[in-house]
């Protein structure tokens, strides 16, 4: 049996806008040996990420918990590591699974969860997303 593909997991909730944009940016430059997976807190978020280029997707608490434990890289809004983040869509169990995962986590700062990350620049969301995708792709190529 061949070597398993490494997994890049994009997580999102609500309408999946951030996750969809990340999936679109990542799908363009995904190197061989990597697969792009999506896990949404709801079906709309998962559908948006699949439409944007994720190879596979799943929805709900168990999908997030299971896939966070198998991922090599995780990307998403900062709310995915906060209990009750993303307006309550992230359960405490989901937050524990994502924050406790051994994966490299690349998180998008957003003000909607009431979190201000010191040291971040005040950038437009599109720039944060581009920077996150660029970092993830650089890790994949190393």
N, C-alpha and C. Protein backbone atom coordinates (compact mmCIF):
# COMPACT_ATOMS: atom_id res chain seq x y z
N UNK A 1 0.84 -1.18 0.00
CA UNK A 1 0.00 0.00 0.00
C UNK A 1 0.88 1.24 0.00
N UNK A 2 0.49 2.26 -0.78
CA UNK A 2 1.28 3.47 -0.90
C UNK A 2 1.19 4.35 0.33
N UNK A 3 2.02 5.35 0.33
CA UNK A 3 2.04 6.31 1.42
C UNK A 3 0.74 7.11 1.44
N UNK A 4 0.20 7.36 2.62
CA UNK A 4 -1.06 8.10 2.71
C UNK A 4 -0.84 9.56 2.34
N UNK A 5 -1.88 10.12 1.74
CA UNK A 5 -1.83 11.54 1.43
C UNK A 5 -1.90 12.34 2.72
N UNK A 6 -1.25 13.47 2.73
CA UNK A 6 -1.37 14.37 3.87
C UNK A 6 -2.66 15.15 3.71
N UNK A 7 -3.21 15.60 4.83
CA UNK A 7 -4.54 16.22 4.82
C UNK A 7 -4.49 17.67 5.27
N UNK A 8 -5.05 18.51 4.44
CA UNK A 8 -5.26 19.92 4.77
C UNK A 8 -6.75 20.08 4.99
N UNK A 9 -7.14 20.47 6.20
CA UNK A 9 -8.54 20.57 6.58
C UNK A 9 -8.93 22.03 6.72
N UNK A 10 -9.99 22.41 6.01
CA UNK A 10 -10.55 23.74 6.16
C UNK A 10 -11.84 23.61 6.96
N UNK A 11 -11.96 24.41 8.01
CA UNK A 11 -13.13 24.40 8.89
C UNK A 11 -13.85 25.73 8.79
N UNK A 12 -15.18 25.68 8.84
CA UNK A 12 -15.95 26.92 8.87
C UNK A 12 -17.38 26.63 9.31
N UNK A 13 -18.11 27.68 9.55
CA UNK A 13 -19.51 27.59 9.94
C UNK A 13 -20.32 28.64 9.21
N UNK A 14 -21.48 28.96 9.74
CA UNK A 14 -22.42 29.90 9.14
C UNK A 14 -22.57 29.60 7.66
N UNK A 15 -22.30 30.55 6.77
CA UNK A 15 -22.45 30.31 5.33
C UNK A 15 -21.22 29.74 4.65
N UNK A 16 -20.13 29.59 5.40
CA UNK A 16 -18.91 29.00 4.85
C UNK A 16 -18.10 29.94 3.98
N UNK A 17 -18.34 31.23 4.07
CA UNK A 17 -17.64 32.18 3.20
C UNK A 17 -16.13 32.18 3.37
N UNK A 18 -15.67 32.20 4.62
CA UNK A 18 -14.22 32.19 4.86
C UNK A 18 -13.63 30.86 4.39
N UNK A 19 -14.26 29.76 4.76
CA UNK A 19 -13.77 28.45 4.34
C UNK A 19 -13.77 28.27 2.84
N UNK A 20 -14.79 28.79 2.17
CA UNK A 20 -14.86 28.68 0.70
C UNK A 20 -13.72 29.46 0.05
N UNK A 21 -13.47 30.65 0.56
CA UNK A 21 -12.37 31.43 -0.01
C UNK A 21 -11.03 30.75 0.23
N UNK A 22 -10.84 30.18 1.42
CA UNK A 22 -9.61 29.45 1.69
C UNK A 22 -9.48 28.24 0.77
N UNK A 23 -10.57 27.48 0.61
CA UNK A 23 -10.53 26.29 -0.26
C UNK A 23 -10.18 26.69 -1.69
N UNK A 24 -10.75 27.77 -2.17
CA UNK A 24 -10.47 28.24 -3.53
C UNK A 24 -8.99 28.59 -3.69
N UNK A 25 -8.43 29.32 -2.72
CA UNK A 25 -7.03 29.70 -2.78
C UNK A 25 -6.10 28.49 -2.68
N UNK A 26 -6.45 27.54 -1.83
CA UNK A 26 -5.61 26.35 -1.64
C UNK A 26 -5.69 25.39 -2.81
N UNK A 27 -6.87 25.19 -3.36
CA UNK A 27 -7.06 24.22 -4.44
C UNK A 27 -6.20 24.56 -5.65
N UNK A 28 -5.97 25.83 -5.89
CA UNK A 28 -5.16 26.26 -7.04
C UNK A 28 -3.72 25.75 -6.96
N UNK A 29 -3.16 25.68 -5.75
CA UNK A 29 -1.75 25.35 -5.63
C UNK A 29 -1.44 24.12 -4.83
N UNK A 30 -2.44 23.26 -4.63
CA UNK A 30 -2.25 22.07 -3.80
C UNK A 30 -1.20 21.13 -4.42
N UNK A 31 -0.10 20.89 -3.72
CA UNK A 31 0.92 20.00 -4.28
C UNK A 31 0.49 18.53 -4.25
N UNK A 32 1.14 17.73 -5.05
CA UNK A 32 0.88 16.29 -5.07
C UNK A 32 1.15 15.72 -3.68
N UNK A 33 0.37 14.73 -3.31
CA UNK A 33 0.54 14.09 -2.02
C UNK A 33 -0.31 14.71 -0.92
N UNK A 34 -1.09 15.74 -1.26
CA UNK A 34 -1.96 16.40 -0.30
C UNK A 34 -3.39 16.33 -0.78
N UNK A 35 -4.33 16.26 0.17
CA UNK A 35 -5.74 16.34 -0.18
C UNK A 35 -6.39 17.44 0.65
N UNK A 36 -7.32 18.12 0.02
CA UNK A 36 -8.02 19.23 0.65
C UNK A 36 -9.39 18.76 1.13
N UNK A 37 -9.58 18.78 2.45
CA UNK A 37 -10.82 18.34 3.06
C UNK A 37 -11.54 19.53 3.69
N UNK A 38 -12.85 19.41 3.81
CA UNK A 38 -13.65 20.46 4.43
C UNK A 38 -14.53 19.86 5.51
N UNK A 39 -14.66 20.56 6.62
CA UNK A 39 -15.61 20.18 7.66
C UNK A 39 -16.35 21.44 8.08
N UNK A 40 -17.65 21.37 7.97
CA UNK A 40 -18.47 22.51 8.33
C UNK A 40 -19.29 22.24 9.57
N UNK A 41 -19.59 23.29 10.30
CA UNK A 41 -20.47 23.14 11.45
C UNK A 41 -21.91 22.95 11.00
N UNK A 42 -22.18 23.26 9.73
CA UNK A 42 -23.51 23.09 9.16
C UNK A 42 -23.38 22.74 7.68
N UNK A 43 -24.46 22.30 7.08
CA UNK A 43 -24.43 21.83 5.69
C UNK A 43 -24.12 22.95 4.70
N UNK A 44 -24.59 24.17 4.97
CA UNK A 44 -24.32 25.28 4.06
C UNK A 44 -22.82 25.57 3.98
N UNK A 45 -22.15 25.56 5.13
CA UNK A 45 -20.71 25.81 5.15
C UNK A 45 -19.96 24.71 4.41
N UNK A 46 -20.32 23.47 4.64
CA UNK A 46 -19.66 22.36 3.96
C UNK A 46 -19.88 22.46 2.45
N UNK A 47 -21.10 22.72 2.03
CA UNK A 47 -21.41 22.82 0.60
C UNK A 47 -20.60 23.93 -0.07
N UNK A 48 -20.46 25.05 0.61
CA UNK A 48 -19.70 26.17 0.05
C UNK A 48 -18.24 25.79 -0.15
N UNK A 49 -17.66 25.08 0.81
CA UNK A 49 -16.26 24.68 0.71
C UNK A 49 -16.05 23.62 -0.37
N UNK A 50 -17.00 22.71 -0.51
CA UNK A 50 -16.92 21.71 -1.58
C UNK A 50 -17.01 22.37 -2.95
N UNK A 51 -17.93 23.29 -3.08
CA UNK A 51 -18.10 24.00 -4.36
C UNK A 51 -16.84 24.79 -4.71
N UNK A 52 -16.13 25.26 -3.71
CA UNK A 52 -14.92 26.06 -3.93
C UNK A 52 -13.68 25.22 -4.23
N UNK A 53 -13.76 23.88 -4.07
CA UNK A 53 -12.61 23.07 -4.46
C UNK A 53 -12.16 22.00 -3.50
N UNK A 54 -12.77 21.90 -2.32
CA UNK A 54 -12.39 20.82 -1.41
C UNK A 54 -12.74 19.47 -2.05
N UNK A 55 -11.87 18.49 -1.88
CA UNK A 55 -12.07 17.17 -2.49
C UNK A 55 -13.16 16.37 -1.78
N UNK A 56 -13.26 16.52 -0.47
CA UNK A 56 -14.25 15.81 0.33
C UNK A 56 -14.71 16.73 1.45
N UNK A 57 -15.93 16.48 1.92
CA UNK A 57 -16.43 17.29 3.01
C UNK A 57 -17.39 16.53 3.88
N UNK A 58 -17.51 16.97 5.11
CA UNK A 58 -18.43 16.37 6.07
C UNK A 58 -18.94 17.48 6.99
N UNK A 59 -20.07 17.20 7.63
CA UNK A 59 -20.75 18.22 8.41
C UNK A 59 -21.02 17.76 9.83
N UNK A 60 -20.90 18.69 10.78
CA UNK A 60 -21.33 18.46 12.15
C UNK A 60 -20.20 18.26 13.13
N UNK A 61 -20.61 18.12 14.39
CA UNK A 61 -19.65 18.01 15.47
C UNK A 61 -18.70 16.83 15.30
N UNK A 62 -19.24 15.66 15.03
CA UNK A 62 -18.37 14.49 14.90
C UNK A 62 -17.42 14.62 13.73
N UNK A 63 -17.88 15.19 12.63
CA UNK A 63 -17.01 15.37 11.45
C UNK A 63 -15.84 16.29 11.79
N UNK A 64 -16.10 17.36 12.51
CA UNK A 64 -15.02 18.28 12.89
C UNK A 64 -14.05 17.58 13.83
N UNK A 65 -14.57 16.90 14.84
CA UNK A 65 -13.71 16.22 15.82
C UNK A 65 -12.86 15.15 15.15
N UNK A 66 -13.48 14.30 14.35
CA UNK A 66 -12.78 13.21 13.69
C UNK A 66 -11.69 13.73 12.75
N UNK A 67 -12.05 14.68 11.90
CA UNK A 67 -11.10 15.16 10.91
C UNK A 67 -10.00 16.03 11.50
N UNK A 68 -10.28 16.75 12.58
CA UNK A 68 -9.23 17.53 13.24
C UNK A 68 -8.12 16.61 13.75
N UNK A 69 -8.49 15.44 14.22
CA UNK A 69 -7.51 14.48 14.71
C UNK A 69 -6.68 13.83 13.63
N UNK A 70 -7.15 13.87 12.39
CA UNK A 70 -6.44 13.25 11.27
C UNK A 70 -5.69 14.25 10.40
N UNK A 71 -5.90 15.54 10.63
CA UNK A 71 -5.34 16.57 9.75
C UNK A 71 -3.87 16.85 10.04
N UNK A 72 -3.17 17.28 9.00
CA UNK A 72 -1.79 17.72 9.14
C UNK A 72 -1.73 19.25 9.23
N UNK A 73 -2.66 19.91 8.57
CA UNK A 73 -2.81 21.37 8.61
C UNK A 73 -4.30 21.66 8.76
N UNK A 74 -4.65 22.62 9.61
CA UNK A 74 -6.03 23.07 9.77
C UNK A 74 -6.07 24.57 9.53
N UNK A 75 -7.02 25.00 8.71
CA UNK A 75 -7.24 26.42 8.48
C UNK A 75 -8.69 26.77 8.77
N UNK A 76 -8.92 27.97 9.26
CA UNK A 76 -10.28 28.43 9.50
C UNK A 76 -10.28 29.70 10.31
N UNK A 77 -11.45 30.25 10.55
CA UNK A 77 -11.54 31.44 11.39
C UNK A 77 -11.16 31.10 12.83
N UNK A 78 -10.67 32.08 13.55
CA UNK A 78 -10.20 31.84 14.92
C UNK A 78 -11.28 31.24 15.81
N UNK A 79 -12.53 31.47 15.48
CA UNK A 79 -13.63 30.94 16.26
C UNK A 79 -13.67 29.42 16.34
N UNK A 80 -12.96 28.71 15.47
CA UNK A 80 -12.99 27.25 15.50
C UNK A 80 -12.25 26.67 16.71
N UNK A 81 -11.47 27.50 17.40
CA UNK A 81 -10.79 27.00 18.61
C UNK A 81 -11.43 27.52 19.89
N UNK A 82 -12.58 28.20 19.75
CA UNK A 82 -13.26 28.79 20.90
C UNK A 82 -14.56 28.06 21.19
N UNK A 83 -14.73 27.60 22.43
CA UNK A 83 -16.01 27.01 22.81
C UNK A 83 -17.10 28.05 22.58
N UNK A 84 -18.12 27.65 21.88
CA UNK A 84 -19.24 28.52 21.52
C UNK A 84 -18.88 29.59 20.50
N UNK A 85 -17.77 29.40 19.81
CA UNK A 85 -17.35 30.32 18.76
C UNK A 85 -18.28 30.26 17.57
N UNK A 86 -18.09 31.18 16.66
CA UNK A 86 -18.90 31.32 15.45
C UNK A 86 -20.39 31.33 15.83
N UNK A 87 -20.72 32.27 16.73
CA UNK A 87 -22.11 32.47 17.18
C UNK A 87 -22.72 31.20 17.78
N UNK A 88 -21.90 30.41 18.46
CA UNK A 88 -22.40 29.21 19.13
C UNK A 88 -22.35 27.95 18.30
N UNK A 89 -21.90 28.03 17.06
CA UNK A 89 -21.85 26.84 16.21
C UNK A 89 -20.72 25.88 16.58
N UNK A 90 -19.70 26.38 17.26
CA UNK A 90 -18.57 25.53 17.67
C UNK A 90 -18.82 25.06 19.09
N UNK A 91 -19.06 23.77 19.25
CA UNK A 91 -19.30 23.22 20.58
C UNK A 91 -17.98 23.17 21.35
N UNK A 92 -18.05 23.09 22.68
CA UNK A 92 -16.82 22.93 23.45
C UNK A 92 -16.00 21.72 23.00
N UNK A 93 -16.65 20.62 22.64
CA UNK A 93 -15.92 19.42 22.19
C UNK A 93 -15.20 19.68 20.87
N UNK A 94 -15.82 20.44 19.99
CA UNK A 94 -15.16 20.79 18.72
C UNK A 94 -13.93 21.65 18.98
N UNK A 95 -14.08 22.65 19.84
CA UNK A 95 -12.97 23.55 20.15
C UNK A 95 -11.80 22.78 20.76
N UNK A 96 -12.08 21.84 21.65
CA UNK A 96 -11.04 21.02 22.26
C UNK A 96 -10.34 20.17 21.20
N UNK A 97 -11.11 19.57 20.30
CA UNK A 97 -10.52 18.71 19.26
C UNK A 97 -9.61 19.51 18.33
N UNK A 98 -10.06 20.68 17.93
CA UNK A 98 -9.26 21.49 17.01
C UNK A 98 -8.03 22.04 17.72
N UNK A 99 -8.22 22.64 18.89
CA UNK A 99 -7.07 23.23 19.58
C UNK A 99 -6.08 22.16 20.05
N UNK A 100 -6.57 20.97 20.35
CA UNK A 100 -5.70 19.89 20.80
C UNK A 100 -5.10 19.04 19.70
N UNK A 101 -5.50 19.28 18.48
CA UNK A 101 -4.96 18.53 17.34
C UNK A 101 -3.47 18.80 17.18
N UNK A 102 -2.76 17.79 16.73
CA UNK A 102 -1.33 17.95 16.46
C UNK A 102 -1.06 18.67 15.15
N UNK A 103 -2.10 19.01 14.41
CA UNK A 103 -1.94 19.70 13.13
C UNK A 103 -1.42 21.11 13.33
N UNK A 104 -0.74 21.60 12.33
CA UNK A 104 -0.41 23.03 12.28
C UNK A 104 -1.73 23.76 12.08
N UNK A 105 -1.98 24.78 12.89
CA UNK A 105 -3.22 25.54 12.78
C UNK A 105 -2.93 26.93 12.26
N UNK A 106 -3.61 27.29 11.18
CA UNK A 106 -3.49 28.63 10.60
C UNK A 106 -4.87 29.26 10.70
N UNK A 107 -5.00 30.25 11.59
CA UNK A 107 -6.30 30.80 11.93
C UNK A 107 -6.45 32.23 11.42
N UNK A 108 -7.64 32.55 10.97
CA UNK A 108 -7.96 33.86 10.45
C UNK A 108 -8.53 34.71 11.60
N UNK A 109 -7.89 35.84 11.94
CA UNK A 109 -8.45 36.68 12.98
C UNK A 109 -9.72 37.38 12.48
N UNK A 110 -10.75 37.31 13.29
CA UNK A 110 -11.99 38.03 12.99
C UNK A 110 -12.47 38.67 14.28
N UNK A 111 -13.12 39.78 14.15
CA UNK A 111 -13.60 40.48 15.34
C UNK A 111 -14.97 39.97 15.79
N UNK A 112 -15.59 39.10 15.01
CA UNK A 112 -16.95 38.66 15.33
C UNK A 112 -17.02 37.78 16.57
N UNK A 113 -15.92 37.19 16.98
CA UNK A 113 -15.94 36.33 18.18
C UNK A 113 -15.49 37.08 19.42
N UNK A 114 -15.29 38.39 19.30
CA UNK A 114 -14.86 39.17 20.45
C UNK A 114 -13.41 38.93 20.84
N UNK A 115 -12.60 38.48 19.89
CA UNK A 115 -11.19 38.21 20.14
C UNK A 115 -10.35 39.22 19.37
N UNK A 116 -9.43 39.84 20.05
CA UNK A 116 -8.47 40.74 19.41
C UNK A 116 -7.10 40.11 19.63
N UNK A 117 -6.41 39.80 18.55
CA UNK A 117 -5.09 39.17 18.65
C UNK A 117 -4.03 40.25 18.56
N UNK A 118 -3.31 40.46 19.66
CA UNK A 118 -2.25 41.47 19.69
C UNK A 118 -1.18 41.11 18.68
N UNK A 119 -0.66 42.11 18.02
CA UNK A 119 0.41 41.89 17.06
C UNK A 119 -0.05 41.66 15.65
N UNK A 120 -1.34 41.47 15.42
CA UNK A 120 -1.82 41.30 14.05
C UNK A 120 -2.00 42.68 13.42
N UNK A 121 -1.79 42.71 12.13
CA UNK A 121 -2.02 43.95 11.40
C UNK A 121 -3.50 44.11 11.14
N UNK A 122 -3.93 45.33 10.95
CA UNK A 122 -5.31 45.59 10.61
C UNK A 122 -5.44 45.49 9.09
N UNK A 123 -5.79 44.29 8.61
CA UNK A 123 -5.87 44.03 7.18
C UNK A 123 -7.30 43.71 6.77
N UNK A 124 -7.54 43.81 5.49
CA UNK A 124 -8.83 43.37 4.94
C UNK A 124 -8.87 41.84 5.01
N UNK A 125 -10.06 41.29 5.15
CA UNK A 125 -10.22 39.84 5.26
C UNK A 125 -9.54 39.11 4.10
N UNK A 126 -9.66 39.63 2.89
CA UNK A 126 -9.06 38.98 1.71
C UNK A 126 -7.55 38.82 1.87
N UNK A 127 -6.90 39.81 2.49
CA UNK A 127 -5.45 39.73 2.68
C UNK A 127 -5.10 38.68 3.73
N UNK A 128 -5.87 38.61 4.82
CA UNK A 128 -5.65 37.55 5.81
C UNK A 128 -5.79 36.18 5.16
N UNK A 129 -6.81 36.02 4.32
CA UNK A 129 -7.05 34.73 3.66
C UNK A 129 -5.90 34.38 2.72
N UNK A 130 -5.44 35.34 1.95
CA UNK A 130 -4.32 35.09 1.04
C UNK A 130 -3.08 34.70 1.81
N UNK A 131 -2.79 35.42 2.90
CA UNK A 131 -1.62 35.11 3.72
C UNK A 131 -1.73 33.71 4.33
N UNK A 132 -2.91 33.35 4.80
CA UNK A 132 -3.12 32.03 5.39
C UNK A 132 -2.90 30.93 4.35
N UNK A 133 -3.47 31.10 3.16
CA UNK A 133 -3.30 30.10 2.10
C UNK A 133 -1.83 30.00 1.70
N UNK A 134 -1.15 31.14 1.57
CA UNK A 134 0.27 31.12 1.21
C UNK A 134 1.10 30.38 2.25
N UNK A 135 0.80 30.60 3.54
CA UNK A 135 1.54 29.89 4.60
C UNK A 135 1.30 28.39 4.54
N UNK A 136 0.05 28.01 4.35
CA UNK A 136 -0.27 26.58 4.28
C UNK A 136 0.41 25.93 3.09
N UNK A 137 0.36 26.57 1.94
CA UNK A 137 1.00 26.00 0.74
C UNK A 137 2.52 25.91 0.92
N UNK A 138 3.13 26.88 1.59
CA UNK A 138 4.57 26.82 1.85
C UNK A 138 4.90 25.64 2.74
N UNK A 139 4.07 25.39 3.76
CA UNK A 139 4.29 24.23 4.64
C UNK A 139 4.16 22.94 3.84
N UNK A 140 3.18 22.86 2.95
CA UNK A 140 2.98 21.66 2.14
C UNK A 140 4.15 21.37 1.23
N UNK A 141 4.81 22.39 0.76
CA UNK A 141 5.93 22.22 -0.16
C UNK A 141 7.23 21.87 0.53
N UNK A 142 7.31 22.13 1.86
CA UNK A 142 8.54 21.82 2.61
C UNK A 142 8.72 20.33 2.81
